[in-house]
Amino acid sequence: MPIHAWGFIALLAADVLILFSTDFMRRRFYGTFIVMHVLGVITFLIAVWLHSSDASAPYILLAIAVYMLDRLCRLVKTRYTTARLTAIPELGMTRVEVHGVNAGWRAGQHVRLRVLSRG
């Protein structure tokens, strides 16, 4: 029966999430962890919906709402500024100079950088 197949697929997706969420996998294969996590969650939610849409609908909609709230909070916290990137080939590094770095950032914080242009 298809309903049992979708339940089994949901179970496999949950197993993939657990396997790739272990400390070992996250540390050694972080890129794979991210891809498998995204695919695993999407597959899990779709499979659970198709397995029992009546009972699972409120939970799936809640999960989507929490995810969208997280994305909105991250967007609100985002700050945009310009920076100067300088390649240092001898060291295999790139120097990032952010002017006005004192505008909300403190030493020791992690900052996500996104380079939007090469100009």
PDB file of N, CA and C in Angstrom:
ATOM      1  N   MET A   1       0.839  -1.186   0.000  1.00  0.00           N
ATOM      2  CA  MET A   1       0.000   0.000   0.000  1.00  0.00           C
ATOM      3  C   MET A   1       0.883   1.248   0.000  1.00  0.00           C
ATOM      4  N   PRO A   2       0.503   2.252  -0.777  1.00  0.00           N
ATOM      5  CA  PRO A   2       1.321   3.473  -0.860  1.00  0.00           C
ATOM      6  C   PRO A   2       1.487   4.192   0.481  1.00  0.00           C
ATOM      7  N   ILE A   3       0.473   4.119   1.329  1.00  0.00           N
ATOM      8  CA  ILE A   3       0.574   4.808   2.614  1.00  0.00           C
ATOM      9  C   ILE A   3       1.716   4.246   3.459  1.00  0.00           C
ATOM     10  N   HIS A   4       1.936   2.946   3.383  1.00  0.00           N
ATOM     11  CA  HIS A   4       3.035   2.328   4.121  1.00  0.00           C
ATOM     12  C   HIS A   4       4.383   2.668   3.479  1.00  0.00           C
ATOM     13  N   ALA A   5       4.405   2.772   2.167  1.00  0.00           N
ATOM     14  CA  ALA A   5       5.647   3.140   1.476  1.00  0.00           C
ATOM     15  C   ALA A   5       6.081   4.543   1.883  1.00  0.00           C
ATOM     16  N   TRP A   6       5.129   5.488   1.967  1.00  0.00           N
ATOM     17  CA  TRP A   6       5.484   6.851   2.365  1.00  0.00           C
ATOM     18  C   TRP A   6       5.946   6.895   3.814  1.00  0.00           C
ATOM     19  N   GLY A   7       5.366   6.074   4.661  1.00  0.00           N
ATOM     20  CA  GLY A   7       5.833   5.991   6.043  1.00  0.00           C
ATOM     21  C   GLY A   7       7.256   5.468   6.117  1.00  0.00           C
ATOM     22  N   PHE A   8       7.570   4.475   5.293  1.00  0.00           N
ATOM     23  CA  PHE A   8       8.926   3.925   5.254  1.00  0.00           C
ATOM     24  C   PHE A   8       9.916   4.958   4.728  1.00  0.00           C
ATOM     25  N   ILE A   9       9.517   5.726   3.720  1.00  0.00           N
ATOM     26  CA  ILE A   9      10.395   6.782   3.184  1.00  0.00           C
ATOM     27  C   ILE A   9      10.641   7.847   4.249  1.00  0.00           C
ATOM     28  N   ALA A  10       9.601   8.198   5.013  1.00  0.00           N
ATOM     29  CA  ALA A  10       9.782   9.163   6.106  1.00  0.00           C
ATOM     30  C   ALA A  10      10.760   8.621   7.139  1.00  0.00           C
ATOM     31  N   LEU A  11      10.652   7.344   7.455  1.00  0.00           N
ATOM     32  CA  LEU A  11      11.565   6.716   8.402  1.00  0.00           C
ATOM     33  C   LEU A  11      13.007   6.744   7.886  1.00  0.00           C
ATOM     34  N   LEU A  12      13.196   6.445   6.617  1.00  0.00           N
ATOM     35  CA  LEU A  12      14.540   6.482   6.034  1.00  0.00           C
ATOM     36  C   LEU A  12      15.109   7.906   6.052  1.00  0.00           C
ATOM     37  N   ALA A  13      14.256   8.890   5.754  1.00  0.00           N
ATOM     38  CA  ALA A  13      14.716  10.288   5.783  1.00  0.00           C
ATOM     39  C   ALA A  13      15.131  10.676   7.200  1.00  0.00           C
ATOM     40  N   ALA A  14      14.369  10.241   8.203  1.00  0.00           N
ATOM     41  CA  ALA A  14      14.737  10.524   9.597  1.00  0.00           C
ATOM     42  C   ALA A  14      16.050   9.831   9.955  1.00  0.00           C
ATOM     43  N   ASP A  15      16.248   8.616   9.461  1.00  0.00           N
ATOM     44  CA  ASP A  15      17.506   7.903   9.715  1.00  0.00           C
ATOM     45  C   ASP A  15      18.687   8.629   9.088  1.00  0.00           C
ATOM     46  N   VAL A  16      18.509   9.147   7.875  1.00  0.00           N
ATOM     47  CA  VAL A  16      19.569   9.913   7.208  1.00  0.00           C
ATOM     48  C   VAL A  16      19.890  11.162   8.018  1.00  0.00           C
ATOM     49  N   LEU A  17      18.851  11.833   8.524  1.00  0.00           N
ATOM     50  CA  LEU A  17      19.078  13.023   9.352  1.00  0.00           C
ATOM     51  C   LEU A  17      19.888  12.679  10.594  1.00  0.00           C
ATOM     52  N   ILE A  18      19.553  11.592  11.243  1.00  0.00           N
ATOM     53  CA  ILE A  18      20.278  11.189  12.454  1.00  0.00           C
ATOM     54  C   ILE A  18      21.725  10.819  12.118  1.00  0.00           C
ATOM     55  N   LEU A  19      21.925  10.051  11.065  1.00  0.00           N
ATOM     56  CA  LEU A  19      23.268   9.630  10.683  1.00  0.00           C
ATOM     57  C   LEU A  19      24.165  10.819  10.367  1.00  0.00           C
ATOM     58  N   PHE A  20      23.666  11.743   9.557  1.00  0.00           N
ATOM     59  CA  PHE A  20      24.495  12.875   9.143  1.00  0.00           C
ATOM     60  C   PHE A  20      24.546  13.984  10.196  1.00  0.00           C
ATOM     61  N   SER A  21      23.786  13.854  11.283  1.00  0.00           N
ATOM     62  CA  SER A  21      23.834  14.844  12.357  1.00  0.00           C
ATOM     63  C   SER A  21      24.817  14.474  13.451  1.00  0.00           C
ATOM     64  N   THR A  22      25.467  13.344  13.338  1.00  0.00           N
ATOM     65  CA  THR A  22      26.452  12.967  14.344  1.00  0.00           C
ATOM     66  C   THR A  22      27.636  13.920  14.295  1.00  0.00           C
ATOM     67  N   ASP A  23      28.298  14.055  15.415  1.00  0.00           N
ATOM     68  CA  ASP A  23      29.439  14.962  15.510  1.00  0.00           C
ATOM     69  C   ASP A  23      30.518  14.620  14.483  1.00  0.00           C
ATOM     70  N   PHE A  24      30.775  13.339  14.312  1.00  0.00           N
ATOM     71  CA  PHE A  24      31.796  12.890  13.360  1.00  0.00           C
ATOM     72  C   PHE A  24      31.478  13.371  11.939  1.00  0.00           C
ATOM     73  N   MET A  25      30.244  13.164  11.507  1.00  0.00           N
ATOM     74  CA  MET A  25      29.864  13.540  10.137  1.00  0.00           C
ATOM     75  C   MET A  25      29.882  15.055   9.957  1.00  0.00           C
ATOM     76  N   ARG A  26      29.394  15.791  10.952  1.00  0.00           N
ATOM     77  CA  ARG A  26      29.374  17.256  10.836  1.00  0.00           C
ATOM     78  C   ARG A  26      30.785  17.805  10.734  1.00  0.00           C
ATOM     79  N   ARG A  27      31.693  17.294  11.538  1.00  0.00           N
ATOM     80  CA  ARG A  27      33.058  17.829  11.548  1.00  0.00           C
ATOM     81  C   ARG A  27      33.851  17.438  10.296  1.00  0.00           C
ATOM     82  N   ARG A  28      33.696  16.215   9.832  1.00  0.00           N
ATOM     83  CA  ARG A  28      34.522  15.744   8.713  1.00  0.00           C
ATOM     84  C   ARG A  28      33.919  16.044   7.352  1.00  0.00           C
ATOM     85  N   PHE A  29      32.592  16.080   7.260  1.00  0.00           N
ATOM     86  CA  PHE A  29      31.915  16.248   5.968  1.00  0.00           C
ATOM     87  C   PHE A  29      30.832  17.312   6.083  1.00  0.00           C
ATOM     88  N   TYR A  30      31.207  18.535   6.463  1.00  0.00           N
ATOM     89  CA  TYR A  30      30.216  19.565   6.740  1.00  0.00           C
ATOM     90  C   TYR A  30      29.365  19.897   5.514  1.00  0.00           C
ATOM     91  N   GLY A  31      29.977  19.984   4.348  1.00  0.00           N
ATOM     92  CA  GLY A  31      29.218  20.272   3.130  1.00  0.00           C
ATOM     93  C   GLY A  31      28.174  19.202   2.847  1.00  0.00           C
ATOM     94  N   THR A  32      28.577  17.950   3.013  1.00  0.00           N
ATOM     95  CA  THR A  32      27.639  16.840   2.824  1.00  0.00           C
ATOM     96  C   THR A  32      26.552  16.882   3.887  1.00  0.00           C
ATOM     97  N   PHE A  33      26.923  17.222   5.121  1.00  0.00           N
ATOM     98  CA  PHE A  33      25.950  17.334   6.203  1.00  0.00           C
ATOM     99  C   PHE A  33      24.861  18.342   5.850  1.00  0.00           C
ATOM    100  N   ILE A  34      25.251  19.503   5.360  1.00  0.00           N
ATOM    101  CA  ILE A  34      24.267  20.549   5.031  1.00  0.00           C
ATOM    102  C   ILE A  34      23.325  20.067   3.937  1.00  0.00           C
ATOM    103  N   VAL A  35      23.879  19.517   2.854  1.00  0.00           N
ATOM    104  CA  VAL A  35      23.048  19.056   1.736  1.00  0.00           C
ATOM    105  C   VAL A  35      22.102  17.949   2.184  1.00  0.00           C
ATOM    106  N   MET A  36      22.623  16.979   2.917  1.00  0.00           N
ATOM    107  CA  MET A  36      21.786  15.866   3.362  1.00  0.00           C
ATOM    108  C   MET A  36      20.738  16.327   4.371  1.00  0.00           C
ATOM    109  N   HIS A  37      21.061  17.308   5.165  1.00  0.00           N
ATOM    110  CA  HIS A  37      20.103  17.817   6.141  1.00  0.00           C
ATOM    111  C   HIS A  37      18.928  18.498   5.434  1.00  0.00           C
ATOM    112  N   VAL A  38      19.235  19.331   4.463  1.00  0.00           N
ATOM    113  CA  VAL A  38      18.169  20.020   3.721  1.00  0.00           C
ATOM    114  C   VAL A  38      17.312  19.007   2.960  1.00  0.00           C
ATOM    115  N   LEU A  39      17.968  18.117   2.217  1.00  0.00           N
ATOM    116  CA  LEU A  39      17.209  17.102   1.468  1.00  0.00           C
ATOM    117  C   LEU A  39      16.442  16.171   2.399  1.00  0.00           C
ATOM    118  N   GLY A  40      17.049  15.812   3.526  1.00  0.00           N
ATOM    119  CA  GLY A  40      16.395  14.919   4.476  1.00  0.00           C
ATOM    120  C   GLY A  40      15.147  15.534   5.085  1.00  0.00           C
ATOM    121  N   VAL A  41      15.222  16.798   5.468  1.00  0.00           N
ATOM    122  CA  VAL A  41      14.059  17.462   6.067  1.00  0.00           C
ATOM    123  C   VAL A  41      12.942  17.615   5.046  1.00  0.00           C
ATOM    124  N   ILE A  42      13.284  18.040   3.834  1.00  0.00           N
ATOM    125  CA  ILE A  42      12.257  18.192   2.796  1.00  0.00           C
ATOM    126  C   ILE A  42      11.605  16.851   2.494  1.00  0.00           C
ATOM    127  N   THR A  43      12.418  15.811   2.321  1.00  0.00           N
ATOM    128  CA  THR A  43      11.882  14.470   2.049  1.00  0.00           C
ATOM    129  C   THR A  43      11.024  13.989   3.208  1.00  0.00           C
ATOM    130  N   PHE A  44      11.486  14.204   4.434  1.00  0.00           N
ATOM    131  CA  PHE A  44      10.738  13.775   5.614  1.00  0.00           C
ATOM    132  C   PHE A  44       9.365  14.449   5.677  1.00  0.00           C
ATOM    133  N   LEU A  45       9.334  15.771   5.503  1.00  0.00           N
ATOM    134  CA  LEU A  45       8.062  16.489   5.594  1.00  0.00           C
ATOM    135  C   LEU A  45       7.084  16.065   4.503  1.00  0.00           C
ATOM    136  N   ILE A  46       7.576  15.905   3.288  1.00  0.00           N
ATOM    137  CA  ILE A  46       6.701  15.477   2.185  1.00  0.00           C
ATOM    138  C   ILE A  46       6.201  14.059   2.431  1.00  0.00           C
ATOM    139  N   ALA A  47       7.084  13.172   2.850  1.00  0.00           N
ATOM    140  CA  ALA A  47       6.689  11.775   3.067  1.00  0.00           C
ATOM    141  C   ALA A  47       5.695  11.649   4.216  1.00  0.00           C
ATOM    142  N   VAL A  48       5.899  12.409   5.288  1.00  0.00           N
ATOM    143  CA  VAL A  48       4.945  12.367   6.404  1.00  0.00           C
ATOM    144  C   VAL A  48       3.601  12.915   5.951  1.00  0.00           C
ATOM    145  N   TRP A  49       3.605  13.974   5.165  1.00  0.00           N
ATOM    146  CA  TRP A  49       2.359  14.546   4.638  1.00  0.00           C
ATOM    147  C   TRP A  49       1.610  13.497   3.802  1.00  0.00           C
ATOM    148  N   LEU A  50       2.325  12.807   2.939  1.00  0.00           N
ATOM    149  CA  LEU A  50       1.687  11.807   2.080  1.00  0.00           C
ATOM    150  C   LEU A  50       1.322  10.542   2.858  1.00  0.00           C
ATOM    151  N   HIS A  51       1.987  10.302   3.967  1.00  0.00           N
ATOM    152  CA  HIS A  51       1.686   9.133   4.790  1.00  0.00           C
ATOM    153  C   HIS A  51       0.363   9.327   5.541  1.00  0.00           C
ATOM    154  N   SER A  52       0.193  10.485   6.145  1.00  0.00           N
ATOM    155  CA  SER A  52      -1.060  10.755   6.874  1.00  0.00           C
ATOM    156  C   SER A  52      -1.289  12.254   6.929  1.00  0.00           C
ATOM    157  N   SER A  53      -1.841  12.800   5.875  1.00  0.00           N
ATOM    158  CA  SER A  53      -1.999  14.243   5.774  1.00  0.00           C
ATOM    159  C   SER A  53      -2.960  14.809   6.815  1.00  0.00           C
ATOM    160  N   ASP A  54      -4.011  14.076   7.165  1.00  0.00           N
ATOM    161  CA  ASP A  54      -4.989  14.595   8.125  1.00  0.00           C
ATOM    162  C   ASP A  54      -4.370  14.802   9.506  1.00  0.00           C
ATOM    163  N   ALA A  55      -3.666  13.819   9.987  1.00  0.00           N
ATOM    164  CA  ALA A  55      -3.100  13.884  11.340  1.00  0.00           C
ATOM    165  C   ALA A  55      -1.847  14.749  11.400  1.00  0.00           C
ATOM    166  N   SER A  56      -1.069  14.784  10.326  1.00  0.00           N
ATOM    167  CA  SER A  56       0.227  15.453  10.371  1.00  0.00           C
ATOM    168  C   SER A  56       0.194  16.900   9.887  1.00  0.00           C
ATOM    169  N   ALA A  57      -0.883  17.319   9.255  1.00  0.00           N
ATOM    170  CA  ALA A  57      -0.933  18.661   8.670  1.00  0.00           C
ATOM    171  C   ALA A  57      -0.594  19.771   9.658  1.00  0.00           C
ATOM    172  N   PRO A  58      -1.188  19.793  10.868  1.00  0.00           N
ATOM    173  CA  PRO A  58      -0.838  20.892  11.777  1.00  0.00           C
ATOM    174  C   PRO A  58       0.645  20.915  12.152  1.00  0.00           C
ATOM    175  N   TYR A  59       1.245  19.756  12.307  1.00  0.00           N
ATOM    176  CA  TYR A  59       2.657  19.688  12.691  1.00  0.00           C
ATOM    177  C   TYR A  59       3.574  20.111  11.548  1.00  0.00           C
ATOM    178  N   ILE A  60       3.233  19.712  10.360  1.00  0.00           N
ATOM    179  CA  ILE A  60       4.041  20.099   9.203  1.00  0.00           C
ATOM    180  C   ILE A  60       3.927  21.594   8.954  1.00  0.00           C
ATOM    181  N   LEU A  61       2.721  22.128   9.051  1.00  0.00           N
ATOM    182  CA  LEU A  61       2.535  23.568   8.874  1.00  0.00           C
ATOM    183  C   LEU A  61       3.250  24.347   9.976  1.00  0.00           C
ATOM    184  N   LEU A  62       3.253  23.828  11.196  1.00  0.00           N
ATOM    185  CA  LEU A  62       3.984  24.467  12.281  1.00  0.00           C
ATOM    186  C   LEU A  62       5.490  24.447  12.010  1.00  0.00           C
ATOM    187  N   ALA A  63       6.004  23.330  11.517  1.00  0.00           N
ATOM    188  CA  ALA A  63       7.434  23.240  11.196  1.00  0.00           C
ATOM    189  C   ALA A  63       7.809  24.252  10.116  1.00  0.00           C
ATOM    190  N   ILE A  64       6.967  24.391   9.107  1.00  0.00           N
ATOM    191  CA  ILE A  64       7.222  25.363   8.035  1.00  0.00           C
ATOM    192  C   ILE A  64       7.148  26.785   8.580  1.00  0.00           C
ATOM    193  N   ALA A  65       6.170  27.053   9.462  1.00  0.00           N
ATOM    194  CA  ALA A  65       6.034  28.386  10.057  1.00  0.00           C
ATOM    195  C   ALA A  65       7.250  28.742  10.913  1.00  0.00           C
ATOM    196  N   VAL A  66       7.751  27.792  11.701  1.00  0.00           N
ATOM    197  CA  VAL A  66       8.935  28.040  12.531  1.00  0.00           C
ATOM    198  C   VAL A  66      10.147  28.305  11.642  1.00  0.00           C
ATOM    199  N   TYR A  67      10.285  27.552  10.559  1.00  0.00           N
ATOM    200  CA  TYR A  67      11.401  27.763   9.630  1.00  0.00           C
ATOM    201  C   TYR A  67      11.318  29.154   8.994  1.00  0.00           C
ATOM    202  N   MET A  68      10.126  29.548   8.585  1.00  0.00           N
ATOM    203  CA  MET A  68       9.965  30.870   7.963  1.00  0.00           C
ATOM    204  C   MET A  68      10.244  31.985   8.981  1.00  0.00           C
ATOM    205  N   LEU A  69       9.836  31.792  10.238  1.00  0.00           N
ATOM    206  CA  LEU A  69      10.142  32.764  11.284  1.00  0.00           C
ATOM    207  C   LEU A  69      11.648  32.872  11.492  1.00  0.00           C
ATOM    208  N   ASP A  70      12.354  31.755  11.471  1.00  0.00           N
ATOM    209  CA  ASP A  70      13.807  31.754  11.593  1.00  0.00           C
ATOM    210  C   ASP A  70      14.444  32.542  10.457  1.00  0.00           C
ATOM    211  N   ARG A  71      13.987  32.303   9.236  1.00  0.00           N
ATOM    212  CA  ARG A  71      14.522  33.034   8.083  1.00  0.00           C
ATOM    213  C   ARG A  71      14.256  34.533   8.212  1.00  0.00           C
ATOM    214  N   LEU A  72      13.071  34.903   8.687  1.00  0.00           N
ATOM    215  CA  LEU A  72      12.722  36.310   8.863  1.00  0.00           C
ATOM    216  C   LEU A  72      13.611  36.956   9.928  1.00  0.00           C
ATOM    217  N   CYS A  73      13.827  36.266  11.045  1.00  0.00           N
ATOM    218  CA  CYS A  73      14.702  36.801  12.101  1.00  0.00           C
ATOM    219  C   CYS A  73      16.122  36.981  11.595  1.00  0.00           C
ATOM    220  N   ARG A  74      16.611  36.052  10.821  1.00  0.00           N
ATOM    221  CA  ARG A  74      17.960  36.184  10.261  1.00  0.00           C
ATOM    222  C   ARG A  74      18.042  37.367   9.301  1.00  0.00           C
ATOM    223  N   LEU A  75      16.985  37.575   8.532  1.00  0.00           N
ATOM    224  CA  LEU A  75      16.963  38.700   7.592  1.00  0.00           C
ATOM    225  C   LEU A  75      16.973  40.024   8.335  1.00  0.00           C
ATOM    226  N   VAL A  76      16.223  40.100   9.432  1.00  0.00           N
ATOM    227  CA  VAL A  76      16.165  41.331  10.223  1.00  0.00           C
ATOM    228  C   VAL A  76      17.517  41.626  10.857  1.00  0.00           C
ATOM    229  N   LYS A  77      18.251  40.596  11.289  1.00  0.00           N
ATOM    230  CA  LYS A  77      19.555  40.777  11.930  1.00  0.00           C
ATOM    231  C   LYS A  77      20.678  41.084  10.937  1.00  0.00           C
ATOM    232  N   THR A  78      20.434  40.907   9.665  1.00  0.00           N
ATOM    233  CA  THR A  78      21.477  41.075   8.661  1.00  0.00           C
ATOM    234  C   THR A  78      21.870  42.539   8.525  1.00  0.00           C
ATOM    235  N   ARG A  79      23.159  42.767   8.461  1.00  0.00           N
ATOM    236  CA  ARG A  79      23.687  44.107   8.222  1.00  0.00           C
ATOM    237  C   ARG A  79      24.478  44.076   6.926  1.00  0.00           C
ATOM    238  N   TYR A  80      24.325  45.114   6.153  1.00  0.00           N
ATOM    239  CA  TYR A  80      25.060  45.219   4.899  1.00  0.00           C
ATOM    240  C   TYR A  80      26.074  46.343   5.010  1.00  0.00           C
ATOM    241  N   THR A  81      27.268  46.071   4.528  1.00  0.00           N
ATOM    242  CA  THR A  81      28.307  47.088   4.471  1.00  0.00           C
ATOM    243  C   THR A  81      29.272  46.711   3.353  1.00  0.00           C
ATOM    244  N   THR A  82      30.102  47.628   2.999  1.00  0.00           N
ATOM    245  CA  THR A  82      31.092  47.338   1.970  1.00  0.00           C
ATOM    246  C   THR A  82      32.422  47.021   2.645  1.00  0.00           C
ATOM    247  N   ALA A  83      33.209  46.231   1.984  1.00  0.00           N
ATOM    248  CA  ALA A  83      34.517  45.839   2.498  1.00  0.00           C
ATOM    249  C   ALA A  83      35.496  45.778   1.346  1.00  0.00           C
ATOM    250  N   ARG A  84      36.759  45.799   1.681  1.00  0.00           N
ATOM    251  CA  ARG A  84      37.797  45.669   0.664  1.00  0.00           C
ATOM    252  C   ARG A  84      38.489  44.329   0.855  1.00  0.00           C
ATOM    253  N   LEU A  85      38.546  43.533  -0.195  1.00  0.00           N
ATOM    254  CA  LEU A  85      39.186  42.222  -0.169  1.00  0.00           C
ATOM    255  C   LEU A  85      40.524  42.318  -0.885  1.00  0.00           C
ATOM    256  N   THR A  86      41.574  41.845  -0.222  1.00  0.00           N
ATOM    257  CA  THR A  86      42.908  41.868  -0.815  1.00  0.00           C
ATOM    258  C   THR A  86      43.492  40.463  -0.739  1.00  0.00           C
ATOM    259  N   ALA A  87      43.877  39.928  -1.890  1.00  0.00           N
ATOM    260  CA  ALA A  87      44.477  38.593  -1.929  1.00  0.00           C
ATOM    261  C   ALA A  87      45.911  38.660  -1.419  1.00  0.00           C
ATOM    262  N   ILE A  88      46.297  37.686  -0.618  1.00  0.00           N
ATOM    263  CA  ILE A  88      47.676  37.535  -0.140  1.00  0.00           C
ATOM    264  C   ILE A  88      48.120  36.144  -0.576  1.00  0.00           C
ATOM    265  N   PRO A  89      48.593  36.027  -1.849  1.00  0.00           N
ATOM    266  CA  PRO A  89      48.906  34.710  -2.393  1.00  0.00           C
ATOM    267  C   PRO A  89      50.030  33.985  -1.669  1.00  0.00           C
ATOM    268  N   GLU A  90      50.993  34.741  -1.092  1.00  0.00           N
ATOM    269  CA  GLU A  90      52.109  34.084  -0.399  1.00  0.00           C
ATOM    270  C   GLU A  90      51.620  33.249   0.781  1.00  0.00           C
ATOM    271  N   LEU A  91      50.544  33.695   1.419  1.00  0.00           N
ATOM    272  CA  LEU A  91      50.015  33.009   2.591  1.00  0.00           C
ATOM    273  C   LEU A  91      48.784  32.168   2.267  1.00  0.00           C
ATOM    274  N   GLY A  92      48.303  32.280   1.017  1.00  0.00           N
ATOM    275  CA  GLY A  92      47.095  31.561   0.642  1.00  0.00           C
ATOM    276  C   GLY A  92      45.875  32.093   1.390  1.00  0.00           C
ATOM    277  N   MET A  93      45.850  33.410   1.608  1.00  0.00           N
ATOM    278  CA  MET A  93      44.793  34.031   2.399  1.00  0.00           C
ATOM    279  C   MET A  93      44.206  35.225   1.671  1.00  0.00           C
ATOM    280  N   THR A  94      43.096  35.688   2.207  1.00  0.00           N
ATOM    281  CA  THR A  94      42.469  36.913   1.723  1.00  0.00           C
ATOM    282  C   THR A  94      42.250  37.824   2.920  1.00  0.00           C
ATOM    283  N   ARG A  95      42.711  39.040   2.794  1.00  0.00           N
ATOM    284  CA  ARG A  95      42.510  40.029   3.866  1.00  0.00           C
ATOM    285  C   ARG A  95      41.183  40.731   3.617  1.00  0.00           C
ATOM    286  N   VAL A  96      40.375  40.829   4.647  1.00  0.00           N
ATOM    287  CA  VAL A  96      39.077  41.490   4.564  1.00  0.00           C
ATOM    288  C   VAL A  96      39.119  42.713   5.464  1.00  0.00           C
ATOM    289  N   GLU A  97      38.966  43.890   4.860  1.00  0.00           N
ATOM    290  CA  GLU A  97      38.942  45.138   5.620  1.00  0.00           C
ATOM    291  C   GLU A  97      37.524  45.686   5.583  1.00  0.00           C
ATOM    292  N   VAL A  98      36.926  45.787   6.763  1.00  0.00           N
ATOM    293  CA  VAL A  98      35.570  46.317   6.878  1.00  0.00           C
ATOM    294  C   VAL A  98      35.653  47.670   7.557  1.00  0.00           C
ATOM    295  N   HIS A  99      35.269  48.709   6.840  1.00  0.00           N
ATOM    296  CA  HIS A  99      35.291  50.054   7.405  1.00  0.00           C
ATOM    297  C   HIS A  99      34.064  50.223   8.291  1.00  0.00           C
ATOM    298  N   GLY A 100      34.235  50.885   9.416  1.00  0.00           N
ATOM    299  CA  GLY A 100      33.125  51.068  10.350  1.00  0.00           C
ATOM    300  C   GLY A 100      32.760  49.786  11.060  1.00  0.00           C
ATOM    301  N   VAL A 101      33.779  48.961  11.340  1.00  0.00           N
ATOM    302  CA  VAL A 101      33.521  47.655  11.955  1.00  0.00           C
ATOM    303  C   VAL A 101      32.950  47.806  13.367  1.00  0.00           C
ATOM    304  N   ASN A 102      33.107  48.948  13.970  1.00  0.00           N
ATOM    305  CA  ASN A 102      32.588  49.167  15.320  1.00  0.00           C
ATOM    306  C   ASN A 102      31.084  49.413  15.345  1.00  0.00           C
ATOM    307  N   ALA A 103      30.456  49.439  14.200  1.00  0.00           N
ATOM    308  CA  ALA A 103      29.015  49.705  14.119  1.00  0.00           C
ATOM    309  C   ALA A 103      28.221  48.423  14.379  1.00  0.00           C
ATOM    310  N   GLY A 104      28.310  47.901  15.598  1.00  0.00           N
ATOM    311  CA  GLY A 104      27.492  46.752  15.960  1.00  0.00           C
ATOM    312  C   GLY A 104      28.231  45.449  16.123  1.00  0.00           C
ATOM    313  N   TRP A 105      29.477  45.371  15.697  1.00  0.00           N
ATOM    314  CA  TRP A 105      30.240  44.132  15.850  1.00  0.00           C
ATOM    315  C   TRP A 105      31.240  44.300  16.980  1.00  0.00           C
ATOM    316  N   ARG A 106      31.535  43.198  17.662  1.00  0.00           N
ATOM    317  CA  ARG A 106      32.528  43.194  18.729  1.00  0.00           C
ATOM    318  C   ARG A 106      33.613  42.175  18.396  1.00  0.00           C
ATOM    319  N   ALA A 107      34.784  42.378  18.968  1.00  0.00           N
ATOM    320  CA  ALA A 107      35.895  41.446  18.747  1.00  0.00           C
ATOM    321  C   ALA A 107      35.501  40.053  19.217  1.00  0.00           C
ATOM    322  N   GLY A 108      35.877  39.044  18.436  1.00  0.00           N
ATOM    323  CA  GLY A 108      35.594  37.662  18.790  1.00  0.00           C
ATOM    324  C   GLY A 108      34.289  37.137  18.216  1.00  0.00           C
ATOM    325  N   GLN A 109      33.482  38.001  17.641  1.00  0.00           N
ATOM    326  CA  GLN A 109      32.234  37.538  17.047  1.00  0.00           C
ATOM    327  C   GLN A 109      32.504  36.884  15.704  1.00  0.00           C
ATOM    328  N   HIS A 110      31.614  35.986  15.331  1.00  0.00           N
ATOM    329  CA  HIS A 110      31.675  35.398  14.005  1.00  0.00           C
ATOM    330  C   HIS A 110      30.843  36.249  13.065  1.00  0.00           C
ATOM    331  N   VAL A 111      31.359  36.441  11.887  1.00  0.00           N
ATOM    332  CA  VAL A 111      30.652  37.245  10.893  1.00  0.00           C
ATOM    333  C   VAL A 111      30.554  36.424   9.627  1.00  0.00           C
ATOM    334  N   ARG A 112      29.359  36.333   9.081  1.00  0.00           N
ATOM    335  CA  ARG A 112      29.181  35.651   7.794  1.00  0.00           C
ATOM    336  C   ARG A 112      29.406  36.666   6.690  1.00  0.00           C
ATOM    337  N   LEU A 113      30.244  36.301   5.754  1.00  0.00           N
ATOM    338  CA  LEU A 113      30.542  37.196   4.640  1.00  0.00           C
ATOM    339  C   LEU A 113      29.930  36.634   3.371  1.00  0.00           C
ATOM    340  N   ARG A 114      29.361  37.503   2.606  1.00  0.00           N
ATOM    341  CA  ARG A 114      28.840  37.109   1.301  1.00  0.00           C
ATOM    342  C   ARG A 114      29.372  38.127   0.295  1.00  0.00           C
ATOM    343  N   VAL A 115      30.135  37.655  -0.658  1.00  0.00           N
ATOM    344  CA  VAL A 115      30.696  38.533  -1.683  1.00  0.00           C
ATOM    345  C   VAL A 115      29.707  38.574  -2.828  1.00  0.00           C
ATOM    346  N   LEU A 116      29.138  39.756  -3.054  1.00  0.00           N
ATOM    347  CA  LEU A 116      28.094  39.904  -4.063  1.00  0.00           C
ATOM    348  C   LEU A 116      28.616  40.325  -5.420  1.00  0.00           C
ATOM    349  N   SER A 117      29.838  40.833  -5.476  1.00  0.00           N
ATOM    350  CA  SER A 117      30.388  41.231  -6.778  1.00  0.00           C
ATOM    351  C   SER A 117      31.900  41.092  -6.750  1.00  0.00           C
ATOM    352  N   ARG A 118      32.484  41.136  -7.908  1.00  0.00           N
ATOM    353  CA  ARG A 118      33.940  41.053  -8.007  1.00  0.00           C
ATOM    354  C   ARG A 118      34.539  42.427  -8.258  1.00  0.00           C
ATOM    355  N   GLY A 119      33.710  43.443  -8.373  1.00  0.00           N
ATOM    356  CA  GLY A 119      34.174  44.785  -8.715  1.00  0.00           C
ATOM    357  C   GLY A 119      34.854  45.502  -7.592  1.00  0.00           C
TER     358      GLY A 119
END
